[in-house]
Every structure is written in structure tokens, then in C-alpha cells.
Full PDB file with SEQRES, HELIX, SHEET, SSBOND, CRYST1, ORIGX, SCALE, CONECT and MASTER records, all heavy atoms in Angstrom:
SEQRES   1 A   37  GLN ILE ASP THR ASN CYS TYR LEU ALA GLY ASP GLU LYS          
SEQRES   2 A   37  ALA GLY VAL CYS ALA VAL THR ASP PRO GLY GLY SER PRO          
SEQRES   3 A   37  GLU ARG VAL LEU ALA MET ILE GLU LYS SER GLY                  
HELIX    1 AA1 PRO A   26  SER A   36  1                                  11    
SHEET    1 AA1 2 TYR A   7  ASP A  11  0                                        
SHEET    2 AA1 2 VAL A  16  THR A  20 -1                                        
CRYST1    1.000    1.000    1.000  90.00  90.00  90.00 P 1           1          
ORIGX1      1.000000  0.000000  0.000000        0.00000                         
ORIGX2      0.000000  1.000000  0.000000        0.00000                         
ORIGX3      0.000000  0.000000  1.000000        0.00000                         
SCALE1      1.000000  0.000000  0.000000        0.00000                         
SCALE2      0.000000  1.000000  0.000000        0.00000                         
SCALE3      0.000000  0.000000  1.000000        0.00000                         
ATOM      1  N   GLN A   1      95.420  97.265 102.285  1.00  0.00           N  
ATOM      2  CA  GLN A   1      94.023  96.853 102.295  1.00  0.00           C  
ATOM      3  C   GLN A   1      93.816  95.354 102.257  1.00  0.00           C  
ATOM      4  O   GLN A   1      92.814  94.840 102.699  1.00  0.00           O  
ATOM      5  CB  GLN A   1      93.313  97.499 101.077  1.00  0.00           C  
ATOM      6  CG  GLN A   1      93.310  99.006 101.090  1.00  0.00           C  
ATOM      7  CD  GLN A   1      92.652  99.588  99.850  1.00  0.00           C  
ATOM      8  OE1 GLN A   1      91.750  98.994  99.287  1.00  0.00           O  
ATOM      9  NE2 GLN A   1      93.108 100.747  99.419  1.00  0.00           N  
ATOM     10  N   ILE A   2      94.766  94.626 101.647  1.00  0.00           N  
ATOM     11  CA  ILE A   2      94.586  93.182 101.519  1.00  0.00           C  
ATOM     12  C   ILE A   2      95.745  92.409 102.141  1.00  0.00           C  
ATOM     13  O   ILE A   2      96.091  91.282 101.723  1.00  0.00           O  
ATOM     14  CB  ILE A   2      94.373  92.757 100.058  1.00  0.00           C  
ATOM     15  CG1 ILE A   2      95.496  93.230  99.144  1.00  0.00           C  
ATOM     16  CG2 ILE A   2      93.029  93.291  99.547  1.00  0.00           C  
ATOM     17  CD1 ILE A   2      95.351  92.706  97.717  1.00  0.00           C  
ATOM     18  N   ASP A   3      96.316  92.964 103.188  1.00  0.00           N  
ATOM     19  CA  ASP A   3      97.350  92.275 104.000  1.00  0.00           C  
ATOM     20  C   ASP A   3      98.492  91.736 103.135  1.00  0.00           C  
ATOM     21  O   ASP A   3      98.809  90.526 103.162  1.00  0.00           O  
ATOM     22  CB  ASP A   3      96.711  91.131 104.806  1.00  0.00           C  
ATOM     23  CG  ASP A   3      95.913  91.656 105.995  1.00  0.00           C  
ATOM     24  OD1 ASP A   3      96.114  92.837 106.354  1.00  0.00           O  
ATOM     25  OD2 ASP A   3      95.108  90.878 106.540  1.00  0.00           O  
ATOM     26  N   THR A   4      99.116  92.620 102.382  1.00  0.00           N  
ATOM     27  CA  THR A   4     100.327  92.246 101.678  1.00  0.00           C  
ATOM     28  C   THR A   4     101.449  92.065 102.683  1.00  0.00           C  
ATOM     29  O   THR A   4     101.589  92.871 103.612  1.00  0.00           O  
ATOM     30  CB  THR A   4     100.694  93.374 100.693  1.00  0.00           C  
ATOM     31  OG1 THR A   4      99.642  93.522  99.742  1.00  0.00           O  
ATOM     32  CG2 THR A   4     102.006  93.030  99.947  1.00  0.00           C  
ATOM     33  N   ASN A   5     102.248  91.044 102.513  1.00  0.00           N  
ATOM     34  CA  ASN A   5     103.398  90.820 103.398  1.00  0.00           C  
ATOM     35  C   ASN A   5     104.548  91.749 102.986  1.00  0.00           C  
ATOM     36  O   ASN A   5     105.049  91.666 101.858  1.00  0.00           O  
ATOM     37  CB  ASN A   5     103.868  89.382 103.326  1.00  0.00           C  
ATOM     38  CG  ASN A   5     102.872  88.426 103.935  1.00  0.00           C  
ATOM     39  OD1 ASN A   5     102.156  88.771 104.866  1.00  0.00           O  
ATOM     40  ND2 ASN A   5     102.807  87.211 103.433  1.00  0.00           N  
ATOM     41  N   CYS A   6     104.913  92.617 103.901  1.00  0.00           N  
ATOM     42  CA  CYS A   6     106.088  93.484 103.714  1.00  0.00           C  
ATOM     43  C   CYS A   6     107.234  92.918 104.546  1.00  0.00           C  
ATOM     44  O   CYS A   6     107.052  92.540 105.711  1.00  0.00           O  
ATOM     45  CB  CYS A   6     105.751  94.897 104.158  1.00  0.00           C  
ATOM     46  SG  CYS A   6     107.167  96.043 104.134  1.00  0.00           S  
ATOM     47  N   TYR A   7     108.412  92.822 103.943  1.00  0.00           N  
ATOM     48  CA  TYR A   7     109.541  92.155 104.599  1.00  0.00           C  
ATOM     49  C   TYR A   7     110.696  93.133 104.797  1.00  0.00           C  
ATOM     50  O   TYR A   7     110.944  94.022 103.987  1.00  0.00           O  
ATOM     51  CB  TYR A   7     110.019  90.986 103.747  1.00  0.00           C  
ATOM     52  CG  TYR A   7     108.987  89.897 103.573  1.00  0.00           C  
ATOM     53  CD1 TYR A   7     108.209  89.806 102.434  1.00  0.00           C  
ATOM     54  CD2 TYR A   7     108.813  88.935 104.589  1.00  0.00           C  
ATOM     55  CE1 TYR A   7     107.261  88.803 102.290  1.00  0.00           C  
ATOM     56  CE2 TYR A   7     107.876  87.932 104.445  1.00  0.00           C  
ATOM     57  CZ  TYR A   7     107.090  87.865 103.300  1.00  0.00           C  
ATOM     58  OH  TYR A   7     106.172  86.890 103.162  1.00  0.00           O  
ATOM     59  N   LEU A   8     111.415  92.887 105.889  1.00  0.00           N  
ATOM     60  CA  LEU A   8     112.664  93.585 106.143  1.00  0.00           C  
ATOM     61  C   LEU A   8     113.755  92.552 106.326  1.00  0.00           C  
ATOM     62  O   LEU A   8     113.608  91.592 107.098  1.00  0.00           O  
ATOM     63  CB  LEU A   8     112.536  94.449 107.417  1.00  0.00           C  
ATOM     64  CG  LEU A   8     113.777  95.245 107.851  1.00  0.00           C  
ATOM     65  CD1 LEU A   8     113.367  96.543 108.544  1.00  0.00           C  
ATOM     66  CD2 LEU A   8     114.684  94.444 108.801  1.00  0.00           C  
ATOM     67  N   ALA A   9     114.825  92.682 105.582  1.00  0.00           N  
ATOM     68  CA  ALA A   9     116.000  91.822 105.709  1.00  0.00           C  
ATOM     69  C   ALA A   9     117.197  92.728 105.875  1.00  0.00           C  
ATOM     70  O   ALA A   9     117.369  93.699 105.142  1.00  0.00           O  
ATOM     71  CB  ALA A   9     116.176  90.924 104.493  1.00  0.00           C  
ATOM     72  N   GLY A  10     118.049  92.389 106.878  1.00  0.00           N  
ATOM     73  CA  GLY A  10     119.168  93.303 107.126  1.00  0.00           C  
ATOM     74  C   GLY A  10     120.388  92.628 107.713  1.00  0.00           C  
ATOM     75  O   GLY A  10     120.331  91.502 108.200  1.00  0.00           O  
ATOM     76  N   ASP A  11     121.463  93.347 107.645  1.00  0.00           N  
ATOM     77  CA  ASP A  11     122.738  92.914 108.201  1.00  0.00           C  
ATOM     78  C   ASP A  11     122.972  93.749 109.472  1.00  0.00           C  
ATOM     79  O   ASP A  11     123.253  94.952 109.405  1.00  0.00           O  
ATOM     80  CB  ASP A  11     123.857  93.157 107.193  1.00  0.00           C  
ATOM     81  CG  ASP A  11     125.237  92.738 107.693  1.00  0.00           C  
ATOM     82  OD1 ASP A  11     125.377  92.554 108.918  1.00  0.00           O  
ATOM     83  OD2 ASP A  11     126.152  92.605 106.879  1.00  0.00           O  
ATOM     84  N   GLU A  12     122.838  93.111 110.632  1.00  0.00           N  
ATOM     85  CA  GLU A  12     122.940  93.833 111.886  1.00  0.00           C  
ATOM     86  C   GLU A  12     124.341  94.405 112.074  1.00  0.00           C  
ATOM     87  O   GLU A  12     124.494  95.528 112.566  1.00  0.00           O  
ATOM     88  CB  GLU A  12     122.597  92.893 113.043  1.00  0.00           C  
ATOM     89  CG  GLU A  12     122.568  93.567 114.392  1.00  0.00           C  
ATOM     90  CD  GLU A  12     122.119  92.617 115.477  1.00  0.00           C  
ATOM     91  OE1 GLU A  12     122.219  91.379 115.301  1.00  0.00           O  
ATOM     92  OE2 GLU A  12     121.660  93.104 116.530  1.00  0.00           O  
ATOM     93  N   LYS A  13     125.353  93.676 111.661  1.00  0.00           N  
ATOM     94  CA  LYS A  13     126.730  94.151 111.820  1.00  0.00           C  
ATOM     95  C   LYS A  13     126.990  95.423 111.034  1.00  0.00           C  
ATOM     96  O   LYS A  13     127.646  96.358 111.512  1.00  0.00           O  
ATOM     97  CB  LYS A  13     127.716  93.057 111.422  1.00  0.00           C  
ATOM     98  CG  LYS A  13     129.162  93.398 111.660  1.00  0.00           C  
ATOM     99  CD  LYS A  13     130.075  92.240 111.354  1.00  0.00           C  
ATOM    100  CE  LYS A  13     131.540  92.564 111.630  1.00  0.00           C  
ATOM    101  NZ  LYS A  13     132.427  91.430 111.332  1.00  0.00           N  
ATOM    102  N   ALA A  14     126.457  95.464 109.804  1.00  0.00           N  
ATOM    103  CA  ALA A  14     126.653  96.626 108.943  1.00  0.00           C  
ATOM    104  C   ALA A  14     125.623  97.709 109.230  1.00  0.00           C  
ATOM    105  O   ALA A  14     125.803  98.882 108.813  1.00  0.00           O  
ATOM    106  CB  ALA A  14     126.559  96.242 107.458  1.00  0.00           C  
ATOM    107  N   GLY A  15     124.537  97.359 109.932  1.00  0.00           N  
ATOM    108  CA  GLY A  15     123.533  98.355 110.303  1.00  0.00           C  
ATOM    109  C   GLY A  15     122.631  98.777 109.178  1.00  0.00           C  
ATOM    110  O   GLY A  15     122.076  99.885 109.215  1.00  0.00           O  
ATOM    111  N   VAL A  16     122.437  97.922 108.159  1.00  0.00           N  
ATOM    112  CA  VAL A  16     121.632  98.276 107.001  1.00  0.00           C  
ATOM    113  C   VAL A  16     120.587  97.210 106.702  1.00  0.00           C  
ATOM    114  O   VAL A  16     120.731  96.034 107.102  1.00  0.00           O  
ATOM    115  CB  VAL A  16     122.524  98.484 105.756  1.00  0.00           C  
ATOM    116  CG1 VAL A  16     123.465  99.649 105.960  1.00  0.00           C  
ATOM    117  CG2 VAL A  16     123.296  97.212 105.404  1.00  0.00           C  
ATOM    118  N   CYS A  17     119.524  97.632 105.987  1.00  0.00           N  
ATOM    119  CA  CYS A  17     118.461  96.691 105.643  1.00  0.00           C  
ATOM    120  C   CYS A  17     117.868  97.035 104.296  1.00  0.00           C  
ATOM    121  O   CYS A  17     118.082  98.121 103.754  1.00  0.00           O  
ATOM    122  CB  CYS A  17     117.379  96.685 106.721  1.00  0.00           C  
ATOM    123  SG  CYS A  17     116.434  98.234 106.842  1.00  0.00           S  
ATOM    124  N   ALA A  18     117.084  96.094 103.790  1.00  0.00           N  
ATOM    125  CA  ALA A  18     116.276  96.320 102.582  1.00  0.00           C  
ATOM    126  C   ALA A  18     114.833  96.066 102.947  1.00  0.00           C  
ATOM    127  O   ALA A  18     114.531  95.145 103.746  1.00  0.00           O  
ATOM    128  CB  ALA A  18     116.714  95.387 101.448  1.00  0.00           C  
ATOM    129  N   VAL A  19     113.907  96.833 102.384  1.00  0.00           N  
ATOM    130  CA  VAL A  19     112.483  96.650 102.592  1.00  0.00           C  
ATOM    131  C   VAL A  19     111.875  96.157 101.293  1.00  0.00           C  
ATOM    132  O   VAL A  19     112.061  96.783 100.257  1.00  0.00           O  
ATOM    133  CB  VAL A  19     111.824  97.968 103.034  1.00  0.00           C  
ATOM    134  CG1 VAL A  19     110.317  97.781 103.201  1.00  0.00           C  
ATOM    135  CG2 VAL A  19     112.432  98.471 104.348  1.00  0.00           C  
ATOM    136  N   THR A  20     111.165  95.030 101.388  1.00  0.00           N  
ATOM    137  CA  THR A  20     110.580  94.420 100.190  1.00  0.00           C  
ATOM    138  C   THR A  20     109.061  94.539 100.222  1.00  0.00           C  
ATOM    139  O   THR A  20     108.417  94.196 101.230  1.00  0.00           O  
ATOM    140  CB  THR A  20     110.982  92.937 100.093  1.00  0.00           C  
ATOM    141  OG1 THR A  20     112.412  92.855 100.000  1.00  0.00           O  
ATOM    142  CG2 THR A  20     110.363  92.295  98.858  1.00  0.00           C  
ATOM    143  N   ASP A  21     108.489  95.019  99.121  1.00  0.00           N  
ATOM    144  CA  ASP A  21     107.033  95.119  98.925  1.00  0.00           C  
ATOM    145  C   ASP A  21     106.318  95.892 100.057  1.00  0.00           C  
ATOM    146  O   ASP A  21     105.427  95.377 100.736  1.00  0.00           O  
ATOM    147  CB  ASP A  21     106.414  93.746  98.779  1.00  0.00           C  
ATOM    148  CG  ASP A  21     106.778  93.059  97.482  1.00  0.00           C  
ATOM    149  OD1 ASP A  21     107.348  93.722  96.606  1.00  0.00           O  
ATOM    150  OD2 ASP A  21     106.485  91.855  97.345  1.00  0.00           O  
ATOM    151  N   PRO A  22     106.679  97.171 100.235  1.00  0.00           N  
ATOM    152  CA  PRO A  22     105.968  98.012 101.215  1.00  0.00           C  
ATOM    153  C   PRO A  22     104.617  98.444 100.647  1.00  0.00           C  
ATOM    154  O   PRO A  22     104.450  99.536 100.106  1.00  0.00           O  
ATOM    155  CB  PRO A  22     106.910  99.204 101.415  1.00  0.00           C  
ATOM    156  CG  PRO A  22     107.638  99.329 100.102  1.00  0.00           C  
ATOM    157  CD  PRO A  22     107.751  97.926  99.557  1.00  0.00           C  
ATOM    158  N   GLY A  23     103.622  97.578 100.803  1.00  0.00           N  
ATOM    159  CA  GLY A  23     102.367  97.730 100.049  1.00  0.00           C  
ATOM    160  C   GLY A  23     101.351  98.694 100.630  1.00  0.00           C  
ATOM    161  O   GLY A  23     100.287  98.890 100.041  1.00  0.00           O  
ATOM    162  N   GLY A  24     101.603  99.284 101.758  1.00  0.00           N  
ATOM    163  CA  GLY A  24     100.656 100.202 102.388  1.00  0.00           C  
ATOM    164  C   GLY A  24     100.998 100.367 103.852  1.00  0.00           C  
ATOM    165  O   GLY A  24     102.087  99.992 104.298  1.00  0.00           O  
ATOM    166  N   SER A  25     100.088 100.954 104.632  1.00  0.00           N  
ATOM    167  CA  SER A  25     100.260 101.154 106.077  1.00  0.00           C  
ATOM    168  C   SER A  25     101.650 101.720 106.378  1.00  0.00           C  
ATOM    169  O   SER A  25     102.452 101.136 107.104  1.00  0.00           O  
ATOM    170  CB  SER A  25     100.078  99.810 106.815  1.00  0.00           C  
ATOM    171  OG  SER A  25      98.904  99.179 106.473  1.00  0.00           O  
ATOM    172  N   PRO A  26     101.967 102.894 105.809  1.00  0.00           N  
ATOM    173  CA  PRO A  26     103.325 103.415 105.950  1.00  0.00           C  
ATOM    174  C   PRO A  26     103.779 103.560 107.390  1.00  0.00           C  
ATOM    175  O   PRO A  26     104.962 103.339 107.681  1.00  0.00           O  
ATOM    176  CB  PRO A  26     103.290 104.749 105.225  1.00  0.00           C  
ATOM    177  CG  PRO A  26     101.848 105.108 105.080  1.00  0.00           C  
ATOM    178  CD  PRO A  26     101.122 103.795 105.001  1.00  0.00           C  
ATOM    179  N   GLU A  27     102.880 103.894 108.296  1.00  0.00           N  
ATOM    180  CA  GLU A  27     103.291 104.060 109.692  1.00  0.00           C  
ATOM    181  C   GLU A  27     103.773 102.716 110.259  1.00  0.00           C  
ATOM    182  O   GLU A  27     104.697 102.693 111.089  1.00  0.00           O  
ATOM    183  CB  GLU A  27     102.117 104.633 110.508  1.00  0.00           C  
ATOM    184  CG  GLU A  27     100.941 103.719 110.743  1.00  0.00           C  
ATOM    185  CD  GLU A  27     100.104 103.445 109.505  1.00  0.00           C  
ATOM    186  OE1 GLU A  27     100.184 104.191 108.521  1.00  0.00           O  
ATOM    187  OE2 GLU A  27      99.286 102.485 109.533  1.00  0.00           O  
ATOM    188  N   ARG A  28     103.189 101.638 109.818  1.00  0.00           N  
ATOM    189  CA  ARG A  28     103.621 100.309 110.322  1.00  0.00           C  
ATOM    190  C   ARG A  28     104.951  99.902 109.697  1.00  0.00           C  
ATOM    191  O   ARG A  28     105.789  99.296 110.376  1.00  0.00           O  
ATOM    192  CB  ARG A  28     102.547  99.255 110.025  1.00  0.00           C  
ATOM    193  CG  ARG A  28     101.189  99.562 110.662  1.00  0.00           C  
ATOM    194  CD  ARG A  28     100.279  98.321 110.633  1.00  0.00           C  
ATOM    195  NE  ARG A  28     100.847  97.296 111.470  1.00  0.00           N  
ATOM    196  CZ  ARG A  28     100.877  95.999 111.128  1.00  0.00           C  
ATOM    197  NH1 ARG A  28     100.383  95.607 109.980  1.00  0.00           N  
ATOM    198  NH2 ARG A  28     101.396  95.116 111.963  1.00  0.00           N  
ATOM    199  N   VAL A  29     105.146 100.249 108.431  1.00  0.00           N  
ATOM    200  CA  VAL A  29     106.432  99.962 107.814  1.00  0.00           C  
ATOM    201  C   VAL A  29     107.559 100.758 108.484  1.00  0.00           C  
ATOM    202  O   VAL A  29     108.629 100.224 108.783  1.00  0.00           O  
ATOM    203  CB  VAL A  29     106.374 100.258 106.297  1.00  0.00           C  
ATOM    204  CG1 VAL A  29     107.745  99.985 105.659  1.00  0.00           C  
ATOM    205  CG2 VAL A  29     105.303  99.427 105.616  1.00  0.00           C  
ATOM    206  N   LEU A  30     107.306 102.034 108.726  1.00  0.00           N  
ATOM    207  CA  LEU A  30     108.304 102.879 109.375  1.00  0.00           C  
ATOM    208  C   LEU A  30     108.599 102.343 110.779  1.00  0.00           C  
ATOM    209  O   LEU A  30     109.760 102.356 111.225  1.00  0.00           O  
ATOM    210  CB  LEU A  30     107.811 104.315 109.452  1.00  0.00           C  
ATOM    211  CG  LEU A  30     107.738 105.035 108.091  1.00  0.00           C  
ATOM    212  CD1 LEU A  30     107.012 106.362 108.257  1.00  0.00           C  
ATOM    213  CD2 LEU A  30     109.138 105.269 107.520  1.00  0.00           C  
ATOM    214  N   ALA A  31     107.556 101.871 111.480  1.00  0.00           N  
ATOM    215  CA  ALA A  31     107.783 101.321 112.834  1.00  0.00           C  
ATOM    216  C   ALA A  31     108.623 100.035 112.785  1.00  0.00           C  
ATOM    217  O   ALA A  31     109.455  99.807 113.670  1.00  0.00           O  
ATOM    218  CB  ALA A  31     106.430 101.061 113.507  1.00  0.00           C  
ATOM    219  N   MET A  32     108.408  99.219 111.764  1.00  0.00           N  
ATOM    220  CA  MET A  32     109.205  97.999 111.634  1.00  0.00           C  
ATOM    221  C   MET A  32     110.671  98.337 111.432  1.00  0.00           C  
ATOM    222  O   MET A  32     111.560  97.712 112.031  1.00  0.00           O  
ATOM    223  CB  MET A  32     108.686  97.144 110.472  1.00  0.00           C  
ATOM    224  CG  MET A  32     109.485  95.860 110.257  1.00  0.00           C  
ATOM    225  SD  MET A  32     108.754  94.705 109.028  1.00  0.00           S  
ATOM    226  CE  MET A  32     108.913  95.704 107.528  1.00  0.00           C  
ATOM    227  N   ILE A  33     110.924  99.331 110.579  1.00  0.00           N  
ATOM    228  CA  ILE A  33     112.326  99.760 110.347  1.00  0.00           C  
ATOM    229  C   ILE A  33     112.923 100.314 111.617  1.00  0.00           C  
ATOM    230  O   ILE A  33     114.068  99.956 111.986  1.00  0.00           O  
ATOM    231  CB  ILE A  33     112.357 100.798 109.208  1.00  0.00           C  
ATOM    232  CG1 ILE A  33     111.875 100.183 107.906  1.00  0.00           C  
ATOM    233  CG2 ILE A  33     113.794 101.345 109.057  1.00  0.00           C  
ATOM    234  CD1 ILE A  33     111.678 101.196 106.786  1.00  0.00           C  
ATOM    235  N   GLU A  34     112.187 101.170 112.347  1.00  0.00           N  
ATOM    236  CA  GLU A  34     112.687 101.747 113.570  1.00  0.00           C  
ATOM    237  C   GLU A  34     113.007 100.673 114.589  1.00  0.00           C  
ATOM    238  O   GLU A  34     114.040 100.707 115.283  1.00  0.00           O  
ATOM    239  CB  GLU A  34     111.687 102.738 114.140  1.00  0.00           C  
ATOM    240  CG  GLU A  34     112.160 103.416 115.401  1.00  0.00           C  
ATOM    241  CD  GLU A  34     111.158 104.446 115.924  1.00  0.00           C  
ATOM    242  OE1 GLU A  34     110.130 104.657 115.270  1.00  0.00           O  
ATOM    243  OE2 GLU A  34     111.429 105.031 116.980  1.00  0.00           O  
ATOM    244  N   LYS A  35     112.120  99.673 114.705  1.00  0.00           N  
ATOM    245  CA  LYS A  35     112.333  98.560 115.639  1.00  0.00           C  
ATOM    246  C   LYS A  35     113.605  97.803 115.314  1.00  0.00           C  
ATOM    247  O   LYS A  35     114.302  97.352 116.243  1.00  0.00           O  
ATOM    248  CB  LYS A  35     111.112  97.620 115.571  1.00  0.00           C  
ATOM    249  CG  LYS A  35     111.253  96.356 116.402  1.00  0.00           C  
ATOM    250  CD  LYS A  35     110.078  95.426 116.141  1.00  0.00           C  
ATOM    251  CE  LYS A  35     110.289  94.069 116.796  1.00  0.00           C  
ATOM    252  NZ  LYS A  35     109.196  93.116 116.445  1.00  0.00           N  
ATOM    253  N   SER A  36     113.937  97.662 114.062  1.00  0.00           N  
ATOM    254  CA  SER A  36     115.139  96.924 113.665  1.00  0.00           C  
ATOM    255  C   SER A  36     116.407  97.633 114.069  1.00  0.00           C  
ATOM    256  O   SER A  36     117.471  96.999 114.227  1.00  0.00           O  
ATOM    257  CB  SER A  36     115.142  96.669 112.163  1.00  0.00           C  
ATOM    258  OG  SER A  36     115.500  97.854 111.440  1.00  0.00           O  
ATOM    259  N   GLY A  37     116.380  98.952 114.168  1.00  0.00           N  
ATOM    260  CA  GLY A  37     117.550  99.740 114.464  1.00  0.00           C  
ATOM    261  C   GLY A  37     118.494  99.883 113.276  1.00  0.00           C  
ATOM    262  O   GLY A  37     119.620 100.355 113.433  1.00  0.00           O  
TER     263      GLY A  37                                                      
MASTER        0    0    0    1    2    0    0    6  262    1    0    3          
END                                                                             
């Protein structure tokens, strides 16, 4: 609702990531993760 910044940081070689402060808009968060691979 108030544009919280949600972050994805990951290691491409290891194929893993962490998601920080997923404050809402779950479909957008899931899409960001999918985009990262």
C-alpha cells in the first residue's frame, strides 16, 4: 500500500537468493523471483 522496497539478492552461480522485506503485492514478489531464475 505504501510502496515498500522489496529486494532480491542472489548468487547466480549457486542458483539461490534471499528476499528482503516482502511487504505486499505477493504476485509481484513471486514474479521478481521467477524472473531471477
